[in-house]
Amino acid sequence: MVLLLRKYPNENDCCYSILNRFGFEYKTLVIGNQVYVNVIQGKITVGDRCAFEEALLKDTNVKRILWDEKTPVLLTDEQREKTVTVGRAVFGEGFHFIAGPCAVESYDALDEIAYQLREMGVGILRGGAYKPSTSPYSFHGLKEKGLDILRRVADKYSMSVVTEVMDTRDVTMVASYADVLQIGSRSMQNYPLLSEVGKCVKPVILKRGLWANYNEWLLAAEYIAVHGNEKIILCERGIRTYEQETRNTLDLQAIPVIKEKSNVPIIIDPSHAAGDSRYILPMCRAAKAAGADGLMVEVHIKPEESWKDSKQALSLSEMREILKACSDIRSVKEHTCHVS
C-alpha cells in the first residue's frame, strides 16, 4: 500500500498516527516531485478497511491511497484530459502526422524529404541520429552531426523535430536540438533514462516495449511524469508475437484501452509494426478510425537505398497516398462527437 502526499509530513502528522494506530510499519520517501509513504508491513481486516481509509482521507495532506503500488496515478486522472503541443500540432485534439527517415543520412537527403513533407502539410520531422540496433554491426547513426542536420533542415522549413535519446548522458544535448524526445521500444523500461527525461521540459514520445503490457507501459510513463514532465505522448509500435509474416503485430486495441485507462494522447507507428511498406496504408486508416491522435511513419526519397529498415520505408508518393486516404476516414472520436 502507498499513500501519496501533497507535501512532506511532520512527525506528528495525522497519517502517521493513523498508521501507528492500525499497527503498520512504513517509510516516507520522495521520488521526483512526489512525496509518498510506502507501507511496508501490517494487515487490515475487510471490516476495518473503510474506517482506515476514511480516517486517512480526513488528513488534508493525503492525496490518494494506492492499495496496489503498481497503479499509475498522474496519467490516469480522469479530471485532467491532457494535450501536448508540438509546434502547431496539439496532440489530443485533431489528428497529426510525424514523418521522416528512419536515420539521418545526409543534409541533402533530409532536405529533400523535409521539403516534400512540408509541401504535403506535415509539420513534424522525425529522424534518428542515435540508432539502437539488434546487431552491433548495423548503422548506429551520425550522432550529434545528425542532430545538427535535423535542426538546420527543420528550421529551414519551419518544422518541429522528433528524435530518439538512448542514454542519460545525452538527454541535455539531444534536448538542445530536438523539440520532442523519443524513448524507443527497447528503452521503455530504462528507468534512469525515463527519470532523466522527466526532468526535461521537452515533450516525450514513449514507445511501447516489445513485450510490455498496458499497465507496464503506463507505469513507464509514470516514471517520466513523477519527475515533473507530464507532456507525454504514448506510441504503439507493434508487439512481439509468434507471427512471422510481419515484423511485429500492431495492437490497435491499445488505442481504446489507453484512452479508457489514461488521459494522455496516443499515436501509432505502423512502420515498425508492419516492417513492410505494403501494409502501412491500411494500418494508418485503421488507426485513425480507432481514435488515434496521430501517426508516425518512415519516409525516404529512395526507400530501396535507405541505410536502415529500407523495406518498411515509404516513398514520397506513398506518403501522399496515405495523407489522402486518412483525410477520408472519420475517427471514432468524430463519430462520438456527432451522437445526439
C-alpha atoms as a PDB file:
ATOM      1  CA  MET A   1       0.000   0.000   0.000  1.00  0.00           C
ATOM      2  CA  VAL A   2       1.178   3.541  -0.817  1.00  0.00           C
ATOM      3  CA  LEU A   3      -0.056   6.910   0.421  1.00  0.00           C
ATOM      4  CA  LEU A   4       0.536   9.802  -1.966  1.00  0.00           C
ATOM      5  CA  LEU A   5       1.022  13.056  -0.040  1.00  0.00           C
ATOM      6  CA  ARG A   6       0.764  16.710  -1.034  1.00  0.00           C
ATOM      7  CA  LYS A   7       3.883  17.697   0.932  1.00  0.00           C
ATOM      8  CA  TYR A   8       6.469  16.119   3.204  1.00  0.00           C
ATOM      9  CA  PRO A   9       4.731  15.332   6.530  1.00  0.00           C
ATOM     10  CA  ASN A  10       5.686  16.454  10.023  1.00  0.00           C
ATOM     11  CA  GLU A  11       6.497  13.906  12.707  1.00  0.00           C
ATOM     12  CA  ASN A  12       3.094  14.436  14.327  1.00  0.00           C
ATOM     13  CA  ASP A  13       1.167  14.293  11.063  1.00  0.00           C
ATOM     14  CA  CYS A  14      -2.254  12.707  11.190  1.00  0.00           C
ATOM     15  CA  CYS A  15      -1.392   9.964   8.672  1.00  0.00           C
ATOM     16  CA  TYR A  16       1.458   8.737  10.896  1.00  0.00           C
ATOM     17  CA  SER A  17      -0.748   8.446  13.959  1.00  0.00           C
ATOM     18  CA  ILE A  18      -3.380   6.520  11.964  1.00  0.00           C
ATOM     19  CA  LEU A  19      -0.780   4.102  10.592  1.00  0.00           C
ATOM     20  CA  ASN A  20       0.610   3.586  14.072  1.00  0.00           C
ATOM     21  CA  ARG A  21      -2.884   3.003  15.485  1.00  0.00           C
ATOM     22  CA  PHE A  22      -3.521   0.224  12.975  1.00  0.00           C
ATOM     23  CA  GLY A  23      -0.085  -1.331  13.574  1.00  0.00           C
ATOM     24  CA  PHE A  24       1.574  -0.551  10.249  1.00  0.00           C
ATOM     25  CA  GLU A  25       5.288  -0.176   9.579  1.00  0.00           C
ATOM     26  CA  TYR A  26       6.083   2.426   6.949  1.00  0.00           C
ATOM     27  CA  LYS A  27       8.732   4.587   5.310  1.00  0.00           C
ATOM     28  CA  THR A  28       8.384   8.087   3.843  1.00  0.00           C
ATOM     29  CA  LEU A  29      10.146   8.609   0.506  1.00  0.00           C
ATOM     30  CA  VAL A  30      10.483  11.172  -2.250  1.00  0.00           C
ATOM     31  CA  ILE A  31      10.774  10.442  -5.968  1.00  0.00           C
ATOM     32  CA  GLY A  32      10.982  13.406  -8.297  1.00  0.00           C
ATOM     33  CA  ASN A  33       8.175  15.775  -7.282  1.00  0.00           C
ATOM     34  CA  GLN A  34       6.145  13.124  -5.446  1.00  0.00           C
ATOM     35  CA  VAL A  35       6.172  12.521  -1.671  1.00  0.00           C
ATOM     36  CA  TYR A  36       4.770   9.159  -0.638  1.00  0.00           C
ATOM     37  CA  VAL A  37       4.552   6.770   2.291  1.00  0.00           C
ATOM     38  CA  ASN A  38       5.399   3.170   1.465  1.00  0.00           C
ATOM     39  CA  VAL A  39       3.570   0.909   3.918  1.00  0.00           C
ATOM     40  CA  ILE A  40       5.998  -1.955   4.453  1.00  0.00           C
ATOM     41  CA  GLN A  41       4.241  -4.293   6.852  1.00  0.00           C
ATOM     42  CA  GLY A  42       0.877  -4.709   8.518  1.00  0.00           C
ATOM     43  CA  LYS A  43      -2.550  -6.198   7.976  1.00  0.00           C
ATOM     44  CA  ILE A  44      -6.016  -4.756   7.967  1.00  0.00           C
ATOM     45  CA  THR A  45      -9.316  -6.617   8.032  1.00  0.00           C
ATOM     46  CA  VAL A  46     -12.013  -6.027   5.448  1.00  0.00           C
ATOM     47  CA  GLY A  47     -14.208  -4.597   8.188  1.00  0.00           C
ATOM     48  CA  ASP A  48     -11.565  -2.084   9.274  1.00  0.00           C
ATOM     49  CA  ARG A  49     -10.573  -1.056   5.763  1.00  0.00           C
ATOM     50  CA  CYS A  50     -13.379   1.501   5.285  1.00  0.00           C
ATOM     51  CA  ALA A  51     -12.725   3.095   8.675  1.00  0.00           C
ATOM     52  CA  PHE A  52      -8.994   3.163   7.959  1.00  0.00           C
ATOM     53  CA  GLU A  53      -9.466   4.775   4.545  1.00  0.00           C
ATOM     54  CA  GLU A  54     -11.980   7.313   5.849  1.00  0.00           C
ATOM     55  CA  ALA A  55      -9.629   8.318   8.673  1.00  0.00           C
ATOM     56  CA  LEU A  56      -6.693   8.761   6.297  1.00  0.00           C
ATOM     57  CA  LEU A  57      -8.613  10.852   3.782  1.00  0.00           C
ATOM     58  CA  LYS A  58      -9.610  13.287   6.538  1.00  0.00           C
ATOM     59  CA  ASP A  59      -5.934  14.225   6.602  1.00  0.00           C
ATOM     60  CA  THR A  60      -5.732  17.044   4.039  1.00  0.00           C
ATOM     61  CA  ASN A  61      -2.132  16.062   3.271  1.00  0.00           C
ATOM     62  CA  VAL A  62      -3.187  12.639   1.907  1.00  0.00           C
ATOM     63  CA  LYS A  63      -3.848  12.989  -1.796  1.00  0.00           C
ATOM     64  CA  ARG A  64      -4.579   9.370  -2.667  1.00  0.00           C
ATOM     65  CA  ILE A  65      -4.384   5.842  -1.266  1.00  0.00           C
ATOM     66  CA  LEU A  66      -2.997   3.130  -3.531  1.00  0.00           C
ATOM     67  CA  TRP A  67      -3.855  -0.341  -2.287  1.00  0.00           C
ATOM     68  CA  ASP A  68      -1.676  -1.661  -5.123  1.00  0.00           C
ATOM     69  CA  GLU A  69       1.604   0.199  -5.664  1.00  0.00           C
ATOM     70  CA  LYS A  70       1.596  -0.821  -9.344  1.00  0.00           C
ATOM     71  CA  THR A  71      -1.124   1.723 -10.119  1.00  0.00           C
ATOM     72  CA  PRO A  72      -0.440   4.660 -12.467  1.00  0.00           C
ATOM     73  CA  VAL A  73      -1.691   7.876 -10.853  1.00  0.00           C
ATOM     74  CA  LEU A  74      -0.589  11.077 -12.570  1.00  0.00           C
ATOM     75  CA  LEU A  75      -1.593   9.849 -16.028  1.00  0.00           C
ATOM     76  CA  THR A  76      -4.925   8.306 -15.038  1.00  0.00           C
ATOM     77  CA  ASP A  77      -6.643  11.332 -13.514  1.00  0.00           C
ATOM     78  CA  GLU A  78      -9.975  11.424 -15.354  1.00  0.00           C
ATOM     79  CA  GLN A  79     -10.461  15.070 -14.439  1.00  0.00           C
ATOM     80  CA  ARG A  80      -7.412  16.189 -16.404  1.00  0.00           C
ATOM     81  CA  GLU A  81      -7.555  15.323 -20.095  1.00  0.00           C
ATOM     82  CA  LYS A  82      -4.070  16.078 -21.375  1.00  0.00           C
ATOM     83  CA  THR A  83      -2.990  17.662 -24.639  1.00  0.00           C
ATOM     84  CA  VAL A  84       0.597  18.001 -25.812  1.00  0.00           C
ATOM     85  CA  THR A  85       1.573  20.849 -28.127  1.00  0.00           C
ATOM     86  CA  VAL A  86       4.315  20.329 -30.709  1.00  0.00           C
ATOM     87  CA  GLY A  87       4.689  23.347 -32.970  1.00  0.00           C
ATOM     88  CA  ARG A  88       1.237  23.983 -34.416  1.00  0.00           C
ATOM     89  CA  ALA A  89       0.024  20.457 -33.656  1.00  0.00           C
ATOM     90  CA  VAL A  90      -1.947  19.778 -30.478  1.00  0.00           C
ATOM     91  CA  PHE A  91      -1.932  16.049 -29.741  1.00  0.00           C
ATOM     92  CA  GLY A  92      -5.169  15.150 -28.039  1.00  0.00           C
ATOM     93  CA  GLU A  93      -7.030  17.440 -30.421  1.00  0.00           C
ATOM     94  CA  GLY A  94      -7.300  16.522 -34.100  1.00  0.00           C
ATOM     95  CA  PHE A  95      -5.079  14.082 -35.999  1.00  0.00           C
ATOM     96  CA  HIS A  96      -1.403  14.775 -36.708  1.00  0.00           C
ATOM     97  CA  PHE A  97       1.434  13.257 -38.744  1.00  0.00           C
ATOM     98  CA  ILE A  98       5.088  12.795 -37.828  1.00  0.00           C
ATOM     99  CA  ALA A  99       7.220  11.660 -40.764  1.00  0.00           C
ATOM    100  CA  GLY A 100      10.799  11.338 -41.924  1.00  0.00           C
ATOM    101  CA  PRO A 101      13.581   8.806 -42.482  1.00  0.00           C
ATOM    102  CA  CYS A 102      14.499   6.083 -40.026  1.00  0.00           C
ATOM    103  CA  ALA A 103      18.014   7.537 -39.804  1.00  0.00           C
ATOM    104  CA  VAL A 104      19.524  10.866 -40.788  1.00  0.00           C
ATOM    105  CA  GLU A 105      21.930  10.068 -43.624  1.00  0.00           C
ATOM    106  CA  SER A 106      22.972  13.417 -45.095  1.00  0.00           C
ATOM    107  CA  TYR A 107      21.878  17.047 -45.225  1.00  0.00           C
ATOM    108  CA  ASP A 108      20.834  16.889 -48.890  1.00  0.00           C
ATOM    109  CA  ALA A 109      18.736  13.729 -48.492  1.00  0.00           C
ATOM    110  CA  LEU A 110      16.932  15.044 -45.427  1.00  0.00           C
ATOM    111  CA  ASP A 111      16.448  18.448 -47.028  1.00  0.00           C
ATOM    112  CA  GLU A 112      14.615  16.888 -49.987  1.00  0.00           C
ATOM    113  CA  ILE A 113      12.424  14.732 -47.710  1.00  0.00           C
ATOM    114  CA  ALA A 114      11.555  17.672 -45.449  1.00  0.00           C
ATOM    115  CA  TYR A 115      10.775  19.950 -48.391  1.00  0.00           C
ATOM    116  CA  GLN A 116       8.347  17.411 -49.865  1.00  0.00           C
ATOM    117  CA  LEU A 117       6.728  16.661 -46.486  1.00  0.00           C
ATOM    118  CA  ARG A 118       6.214  20.361 -45.776  1.00  0.00           C
ATOM    119  CA  GLU A 119       4.582  20.746 -49.184  1.00  0.00           C
ATOM    120  CA  MET A 120       2.174  17.973 -48.141  1.00  0.00           C
ATOM    121  CA  GLY A 121       1.325  19.806 -44.921  1.00  0.00           C
ATOM    122  CA  VAL A 122       3.365  17.687 -42.487  1.00  0.00           C
ATOM    123  CA  GLY A 123       4.866  19.902 -39.788  1.00  0.00           C
ATOM    124  CA  ILE A 124       6.819  17.425 -37.641  1.00  0.00           C
ATOM    125  CA  LEU A 125      10.039  15.834 -38.918  1.00  0.00           C
ATOM    126  CA  ARG A 126      11.387  12.595 -37.432  1.00  0.00           C
ATOM    127  CA  GLY A 127      14.825  11.137 -37.936  1.00  0.00           C
ATOM    128  CA  GLY A 128      17.281   9.064 -35.933  1.00  0.00           C
ATOM    129  CA  ALA A 129      20.693  10.439 -35.026  1.00  0.00           C
ATOM    130  CA  TYR A 130      21.292   7.728 -32.413  1.00  0.00           C
ATOM    131  CA  LYS A 131      20.053   4.351 -33.658  1.00  0.00           C
ATOM    132  CA  PRO A 132      19.583   1.276 -31.477  1.00  0.00           C
ATOM    133  CA  SER A 133      20.203  -1.883 -33.481  1.00  0.00           C
ATOM    134  CA  THR A 134      19.953  -5.587 -32.750  1.00  0.00           C
ATOM    135  CA  SER A 135      23.328  -6.102 -34.410  1.00  0.00           C
ATOM    136  CA  PRO A 136      26.445  -4.211 -33.298  1.00  0.00           C
ATOM    137  CA  TYR A 137      27.490  -4.146 -36.976  1.00  0.00           C
ATOM    138  CA  SER A 138      24.480  -2.133 -38.153  1.00  0.00           C
ATOM    139  CA  PHE A 139      24.494   1.616 -38.778  1.00  0.00           C
ATOM    140  CA  HIS A 140      24.125   3.403 -35.429  1.00  0.00           C
ATOM    141  CA  GLY A 141      23.530   6.939 -36.638  1.00  0.00           C
ATOM    142  CA  LEU A 142      25.518  10.128 -37.218  1.00  0.00           C
ATOM    143  CA  LYS A 143      25.065  11.149 -33.569  1.00  0.00           C
ATOM    144  CA  GLU A 144      25.484  14.897 -32.910  1.00  0.00           C
ATOM    145  CA  LYS A 145      26.218  15.578 -36.570  1.00  0.00           C
ATOM    146  CA  GLY A 146      22.839  14.018 -37.362  1.00  0.00           C
ATOM    147  CA  LEU A 147      21.139  16.176 -34.726  1.00  0.00           C
ATOM    148  CA  ASP A 148      22.666  19.289 -36.262  1.00  0.00           C
ATOM    149  CA  ILE A 149      21.403  18.297 -39.716  1.00  0.00           C
ATOM    150  CA  LEU A 150      17.916  17.631 -38.309  1.00  0.00           C
ATOM    151  CA  ARG A 151      17.752  21.012 -36.611  1.00  0.00           C
ATOM    152  CA  ARG A 152      19.032  23.000 -39.599  1.00  0.00           C
ATOM    153  CA  VAL A 153      16.678  21.300 -42.052  1.00  0.00           C
ATOM    154  CA  ALA A 154      13.676  21.598 -39.717  1.00  0.00           C
ATOM    155  CA  ASP A 155      14.340  25.285 -39.123  1.00  0.00           C
ATOM    156  CA  LYS A 156      14.604  25.870 -42.873  1.00  0.00           C
ATOM    157  CA  TYR A 157      11.070  24.559 -43.382  1.00  0.00           C
ATOM    158  CA  SER A 158       9.565  25.676 -40.043  1.00  0.00           C
ATOM    159  CA  MET A 159       9.148  22.115 -38.797  1.00  0.00           C
ATOM    160  CA  SER A 160       9.442  20.552 -35.348  1.00  0.00           C
ATOM    161  CA  VAL A 161      11.969  17.786 -34.646  1.00  0.00           C
ATOM    162  CA  VAL A 162      11.351  14.365 -33.083  1.00  0.00           C
ATOM    163  CA  THR A 163      14.395  12.198 -32.399  1.00  0.00           C
ATOM    164  CA  GLU A 164      15.371   9.371 -30.090  1.00  0.00           C
ATOM    165  CA  VAL A 165      17.532   9.631 -26.999  1.00  0.00           C
ATOM    166  CA  MET A 166      19.109   6.414 -25.703  1.00  0.00           C
ATOM    167  CA  ASP A 167      21.481   7.427 -22.912  1.00  0.00           C
ATOM    168  CA  THR A 168      21.024   9.502 -19.759  1.00  0.00           C
ATOM    169  CA  ARG A 169      24.308  11.273 -20.590  1.00  0.00           C
ATOM    170  CA  ASP A 170      22.859  12.550 -23.880  1.00  0.00           C
ATOM    171  CA  VAL A 171      19.494  13.916 -22.697  1.00  0.00           C
ATOM    172  CA  THR A 172      20.594  17.543 -22.270  1.00  0.00           C
ATOM    173  CA  MET A 173      22.478  17.573 -25.564  1.00  0.00           C
ATOM    174  CA  VAL A 174      19.677  15.902 -27.579  1.00  0.00           C
ATOM    175  CA  ALA A 175      17.092  18.226 -25.978  1.00  0.00           C
ATOM    176  CA  SER A 176      19.109  21.229 -27.176  1.00  0.00           C
ATOM    177  CA  TYR A 177      18.401  20.160 -30.782  1.00  0.00           C
ATOM    178  CA  ALA A 178      15.024  18.405 -30.576  1.00  0.00           C
ATOM    179  CA  ASP A 179      11.510  19.655 -29.896  1.00  0.00           C
ATOM    180  CA  VAL A 180      10.353  16.195 -28.802  1.00  0.00           C
ATOM    181  CA  LEU A 181      12.413  13.429 -27.188  1.00  0.00           C
ATOM    182  CA  GLN A 182      11.566   9.893 -28.242  1.00  0.00           C
ATOM    183  CA  ILE A 183      12.069   6.913 -25.947  1.00  0.00           C
ATOM    184  CA  GLY A 184      12.346   3.827 -28.119  1.00  0.00           C
ATOM    185  CA  SER A 185      10.783   0.449 -27.522  1.00  0.00           C
ATOM    186  CA  ARG A 186      13.999  -1.085 -26.190  1.00  0.00           C
ATOM    187  CA  SER A 187      14.356   1.753 -23.658  1.00  0.00           C
ATOM    188  CA  MET A 188      10.785   1.715 -22.319  1.00  0.00           C
ATOM    189  CA  GLN A 189      11.929   0.247 -19.012  1.00  0.00           C
ATOM    190  CA  ASN A 190      15.267   2.047 -18.815  1.00  0.00           C
ATOM    191  CA  TYR A 191      14.226   3.730 -15.570  1.00  0.00           C
ATOM    192  CA  PRO A 192      17.248   6.040 -15.185  1.00  0.00           C
ATOM    193  CA  LEU A 193      16.588   7.344 -18.725  1.00  0.00           C
ATOM    194  CA  LEU A 194      12.868   7.798 -18.029  1.00  0.00           C
ATOM    195  CA  SER A 195      13.694   9.695 -14.847  1.00  0.00           C
ATOM    196  CA  GLU A 196      16.162  11.936 -16.674  1.00  0.00           C
ATOM    197  CA  VAL A 197      13.752  12.939 -19.461  1.00  0.00           C
ATOM    198  CA  GLY A 198      11.189  13.506 -16.700  1.00  0.00           C
ATOM    199  CA  LYS A 199      13.363  16.391 -15.509  1.00  0.00           C
ATOM    200  CA  CYS A 200      13.339  17.886 -19.015  1.00  0.00           C
ATOM    201  CA  VAL A 201      10.756  20.422 -20.220  1.00  0.00           C
ATOM    202  CA  LYS A 202      10.512  18.955 -23.729  1.00  0.00           C
ATOM    203  CA  PRO A 203       7.558  16.694 -24.687  1.00  0.00           C
ATOM    204  CA  VAL A 204       8.304  12.962 -24.748  1.00  0.00           C
ATOM    205  CA  ILE A 205       7.068  10.217 -27.083  1.00  0.00           C
ATOM    206  CA  LEU A 206       7.204   6.922 -25.195  1.00  0.00           C
ATOM    207  CA  LYS A 207       7.074   3.832 -27.384  1.00  0.00           C
ATOM    208  CA  ARG A 208       5.636   0.605 -26.040  1.00  0.00           C
ATOM    209  CA  GLY A 209       8.128  -2.166 -25.302  1.00  0.00           C
ATOM    210  CA  LEU A 210       8.146  -5.297 -27.429  1.00  0.00           C
ATOM    211  CA  TRP A 211       6.647  -7.434 -24.646  1.00  0.00           C
ATOM    212  CA  ALA A 212       5.114  -4.776 -22.398  1.00  0.00           C
ATOM    213  CA  ASN A 213       1.507  -4.941 -21.258  1.00  0.00           C
ATOM    214  CA  TYR A 214      -0.594  -1.795 -20.935  1.00  0.00           C
ATOM    215  CA  ASN A 215      -0.007  -1.289 -17.227  1.00  0.00           C
ATOM    216  CA  GLU A 216       3.775  -1.665 -17.586  1.00  0.00           C
ATOM    217  CA  TRP A 217       3.663   0.914 -20.377  1.00  0.00           C
ATOM    218  CA  LEU A 218       1.657   3.363 -18.262  1.00  0.00           C
ATOM    219  CA  LEU A 219       3.947   2.826 -15.272  1.00  0.00           C
ATOM    220  CA  ALA A 220       6.939   3.628 -17.506  1.00  0.00           C
ATOM    221  CA  ALA A 221       5.182   6.871 -18.444  1.00  0.00           C
ATOM    222  CA  GLU A 222       4.556   7.491 -14.742  1.00  0.00           C
ATOM    223  CA  TYR A 223       8.335   7.410 -14.182  1.00  0.00           C
ATOM    224  CA  ILE A 224       8.567  10.419 -16.510  1.00  0.00           C
ATOM    225  CA  ALA A 225       5.576  12.230 -15.021  1.00  0.00           C
ATOM    226  CA  VAL A 226       6.602  11.785 -11.392  1.00  0.00           C
ATOM    227  CA  HIS A 227       9.773  13.784 -12.088  1.00  0.00           C
ATOM    228  CA  GLY A 228       7.713  16.731 -13.292  1.00  0.00           C
ATOM    229  CA  ASN A 229       7.234  16.219 -17.034  1.00  0.00           C
ATOM    230  CA  GLU A 230       3.641  15.293 -17.897  1.00  0.00           C
ATOM    231  CA  LYS A 231       3.966  16.255 -21.589  1.00  0.00           C
ATOM    232  CA  ILE A 232       3.842  12.627 -22.697  1.00  0.00           C
ATOM    233  CA  ILE A 233       2.566  11.020 -25.898  1.00  0.00           C
ATOM    234  CA  LEU A 234       2.324   7.238 -25.957  1.00  0.00           C
ATOM    235  CA  CYS A 235       3.217   5.416 -29.176  1.00  0.00           C
ATOM    236  CA  GLU A 236       2.037   1.914 -30.066  1.00  0.00           C
ATOM    237  CA  ARG A 237       4.594   0.404 -32.476  1.00  0.00           C
ATOM    238  CA  GLY A 238       3.680  -3.271 -32.504  1.00  0.00           C
ATOM    239  CA  ILE A 239       4.463  -6.055 -30.081  1.00  0.00           C
ATOM    240  CA  ARG A 240       6.337  -9.344 -30.478  1.00  0.00           C
ATOM    241  CA  THR A 241       4.088 -12.338 -31.162  1.00  0.00           C
ATOM    242  CA  TYR A 242       4.531 -15.709 -32.864  1.00  0.00           C
ATOM    243  CA  GLU A 243       3.575 -14.207 -36.270  1.00  0.00           C
ATOM    244  CA  GLN A 244       6.472 -14.048 -38.758  1.00  0.00           C
ATOM    245  CA  GLU A 245       4.833 -12.554 -41.859  1.00  0.00           C
ATOM    246  CA  THR A 246       5.207  -9.083 -40.373  1.00  0.00           C
ATOM    247  CA  ARG A 247       7.953  -7.575 -38.243  1.00  0.00           C
ATOM    248  CA  ASN A 248       5.644  -7.144 -35.237  1.00  0.00           C
ATOM    249  CA  THR A 249       1.906  -7.276 -34.535  1.00  0.00           C
ATOM    250  CA  LEU A 250       0.202  -3.867 -34.441  1.00  0.00           C
ATOM    251  CA  ASP A 251      -2.080  -3.787 -31.401  1.00  0.00           C
ATOM    252  CA  LEU A 252      -4.841  -1.351 -32.393  1.00  0.00           C
ATOM    253  CA  GLN A 253      -6.784  -2.331 -29.275  1.00  0.00           C
ATOM    254  CA  ALA A 254      -4.213  -0.222 -27.435  1.00  0.00           C
ATOM    255  CA  ILE A 255      -5.971   2.927 -28.670  1.00  0.00           C
ATOM    256  CA  PRO A 256      -9.330   2.495 -26.878  1.00  0.00           C
ATOM    257  CA  VAL A 257      -7.734   0.773 -23.874  1.00  0.00           C
ATOM    258  CA  ILE A 258      -5.188   3.541 -23.262  1.00  0.00           C
ATOM    259  CA  LYS A 259      -7.850   6.209 -23.757  1.00  0.00           C
ATOM    260  CA  GLU A 260     -10.042   4.494 -21.188  1.00  0.00           C
ATOM    261  CA  LYS A 261      -7.225   3.891 -18.680  1.00  0.00           C
ATOM    262  CA  SER A 262      -5.321   7.187 -19.032  1.00  0.00           C
ATOM    263  CA  ASN A 263      -5.607  10.825 -20.033  1.00  0.00           C
ATOM    264  CA  VAL A 264      -2.636  11.015 -22.422  1.00  0.00           C
ATOM    265  CA  PRO A 265      -2.591  11.147 -26.245  1.00  0.00           C
ATOM    266  CA  ILE A 266      -1.675   8.009 -28.162  1.00  0.00           C
ATOM    267  CA  ILE A 267      -0.195   7.758 -31.662  1.00  0.00           C
ATOM    268  CA  ILE A 268       0.578   4.751 -33.857  1.00  0.00           C
ATOM    269  CA  ASP A 269       3.817   3.782 -35.610  1.00  0.00           C
ATOM    270  CA  PRO A 270       2.762   1.285 -38.310  1.00  0.00           C
ATOM    271  CA  SER A 271       6.209   1.308 -39.950  1.00  0.00           C
ATOM    272  CA  HIS A 272       7.907  -0.641 -37.157  1.00  0.00           C
ATOM    273  CA  ALA A 273       4.868  -2.841 -36.668  1.00  0.00           C
ATOM    274  CA  ALA A 274       4.492  -3.950 -40.279  1.00  0.00           C
ATOM    275  CA  GLY A 275       8.140  -3.901 -41.294  1.00  0.00           C
ATOM    276  CA  ASP A 276       6.820  -3.797 -44.880  1.00  0.00           C
ATOM    277  CA  SER A 277       5.604  -0.669 -46.666  1.00  0.00           C
ATOM    278  CA  ARG A 278       2.847  -2.653 -48.412  1.00  0.00           C
ATOM    279  CA  TYR A 279       0.863  -2.970 -45.201  1.00  0.00           C
ATOM    280  CA  ILE A 280       1.255   0.530 -43.798  1.00  0.00           C
ATOM    281  CA  LEU A 281      -1.593   2.367 -45.563  1.00  0.00           C
ATOM    282  CA  PRO A 282      -4.430   0.135 -44.276  1.00  0.00           C
ATOM    283  CA  MET A 283      -2.965   0.265 -40.760  1.00  0.00           C
ATOM    284  CA  CYS A 284      -2.900   4.075 -40.932  1.00  0.00           C
ATOM    285  CA  ARG A 285      -6.560   4.157 -41.920  1.00  0.00           C
ATOM    286  CA  ALA A 286      -7.464   1.692 -39.184  1.00  0.00           C
ATOM    287  CA  ALA A 287      -5.536   3.675 -36.558  1.00  0.00           C
ATOM    288  CA  LYS A 288      -7.371   6.881 -37.384  1.00  0.00           C
ATOM    289  CA  ALA A 289     -10.737   5.128 -37.428  1.00  0.00           C
ATOM    290  CA  ALA A 290      -9.989   3.631 -33.995  1.00  0.00           C
ATOM    291  CA  GLY A 291      -9.389   7.087 -32.492  1.00  0.00           C
ATOM    292  CA  ALA A 292      -5.607   7.532 -32.505  1.00  0.00           C
ATOM    293  CA  ASP A 293      -4.299  11.076 -32.097  1.00  0.00           C
ATOM    294  CA  GLY A 294      -1.772  10.745 -34.889  1.00  0.00           C
ATOM    295  CA  LEU A 295       0.702   8.648 -36.855  1.00  0.00           C
ATOM    296  CA  MET A 296       4.479   8.387 -37.050  1.00  0.00           C
ATOM    297  CA  VAL A 297       5.777   6.882 -40.287  1.00  0.00           C
ATOM    298  CA  GLU A 298       9.123   6.400 -42.019  1.00  0.00           C
ATOM    299  CA  VAL A 299       9.582   8.156 -45.365  1.00  0.00           C
ATOM    300  CA  HIS A 300      12.592   8.200 -47.697  1.00  0.00           C
ATOM    301  CA  ILE A 301      13.318   9.723 -51.114  1.00  0.00           C
ATOM    302  CA  LYS A 302      14.619   6.339 -52.319  1.00  0.00           C
ATOM    303  CA  PRO A 303      13.381   3.652 -49.881  1.00  0.00           C
ATOM    304  CA  GLU A 304      15.412   0.906 -51.533  1.00  0.00           C
ATOM    305  CA  GLU A 305      18.602   2.888 -50.737  1.00  0.00           C
ATOM    306  CA  SER A 306      17.745   3.666 -47.119  1.00  0.00           C
ATOM    307  CA  TRP A 307      20.601   2.885 -44.736  1.00  0.00           C
ATOM    308  CA  LYS A 308      18.161   1.468 -42.164  1.00  0.00           C
ATOM    309  CA  ASP A 309      14.915  -0.528 -42.481  1.00  0.00           C
ATOM    310  CA  SER A 310      14.557   0.028 -46.224  1.00  0.00           C
ATOM    311  CA  LYS A 311      11.729  -2.500 -46.550  1.00  0.00           C
ATOM    312  CA  GLN A 312       9.387  -0.515 -44.318  1.00  0.00           C
ATOM    313  CA  ALA A 313      10.226   2.968 -45.621  1.00  0.00           C
ATOM    314  CA  LEU A 314       7.514   4.737 -47.619  1.00  0.00           C
ATOM    315  CA  SER A 315       8.247   6.627 -50.803  1.00  0.00           C
ATOM    316  CA  LEU A 316       7.087  10.242 -51.013  1.00  0.00           C
ATOM    317  CA  SER A 317       4.307   9.250 -53.407  1.00  0.00           C
ATOM    318  CA  GLU A 318       3.129   6.589 -50.943  1.00  0.00           C
ATOM    319  CA  MET A 319       3.140   9.224 -48.207  1.00  0.00           C
ATOM    320  CA  ARG A 320       0.867  11.434 -50.295  1.00  0.00           C
ATOM    321  CA  GLU A 321      -1.477   8.493 -50.792  1.00  0.00           C
ATOM    322  CA  ILE A 322      -1.633   7.884 -47.032  1.00  0.00           C
ATOM    323  CA  LEU A 323      -2.401  11.531 -46.288  1.00  0.00           C
ATOM    324  CA  LYS A 324      -5.243  11.489 -48.802  1.00  0.00           C
ATOM    325  CA  ALA A 325      -6.578   8.138 -47.603  1.00  0.00           C
ATOM    326  CA  CYS A 326      -6.592   9.227 -43.955  1.00  0.00           C
ATOM    327  CA  SER A 327      -8.330  12.501 -44.773  1.00  0.00           C
ATOM    328  CA  ASP A 328     -11.330  10.447 -45.922  1.00  0.00           C
ATOM    329  CA  ILE A 329     -11.546   8.497 -42.643  1.00  0.00           C
ATOM    330  CA  ARG A 330     -13.640   9.711 -39.713  1.00  0.00           C
ATOM    331  CA  SER A 331     -12.291   8.632 -36.356  1.00  0.00           C
ATOM    332  CA  VAL A 332     -14.307   7.128 -33.529  1.00  0.00           C
ATOM    333  CA  LYS A 333     -13.768  10.473 -31.739  1.00  0.00           C
ATOM    334  CA  GLU A 334     -15.552  12.340 -34.541  1.00  0.00           C
ATOM    335  CA  HIS A 335     -18.406   9.837 -34.552  1.00  0.00           C
ATOM    336  CA  THR A 336     -18.778  10.223 -30.791  1.00  0.00           C
ATOM    337  CA  CYS A 337     -18.956  13.996 -31.102  1.00  0.00           C
ATOM    338  CA  HIS A 338     -21.862  13.723 -33.542  1.00  0.00           C
ATOM    339  CA  VAL A 339     -24.002  11.378 -31.465  1.00  0.00           C
ATOM    340  CA  SER A 340     -27.109  13.291 -30.309  1.00  0.00           C
END
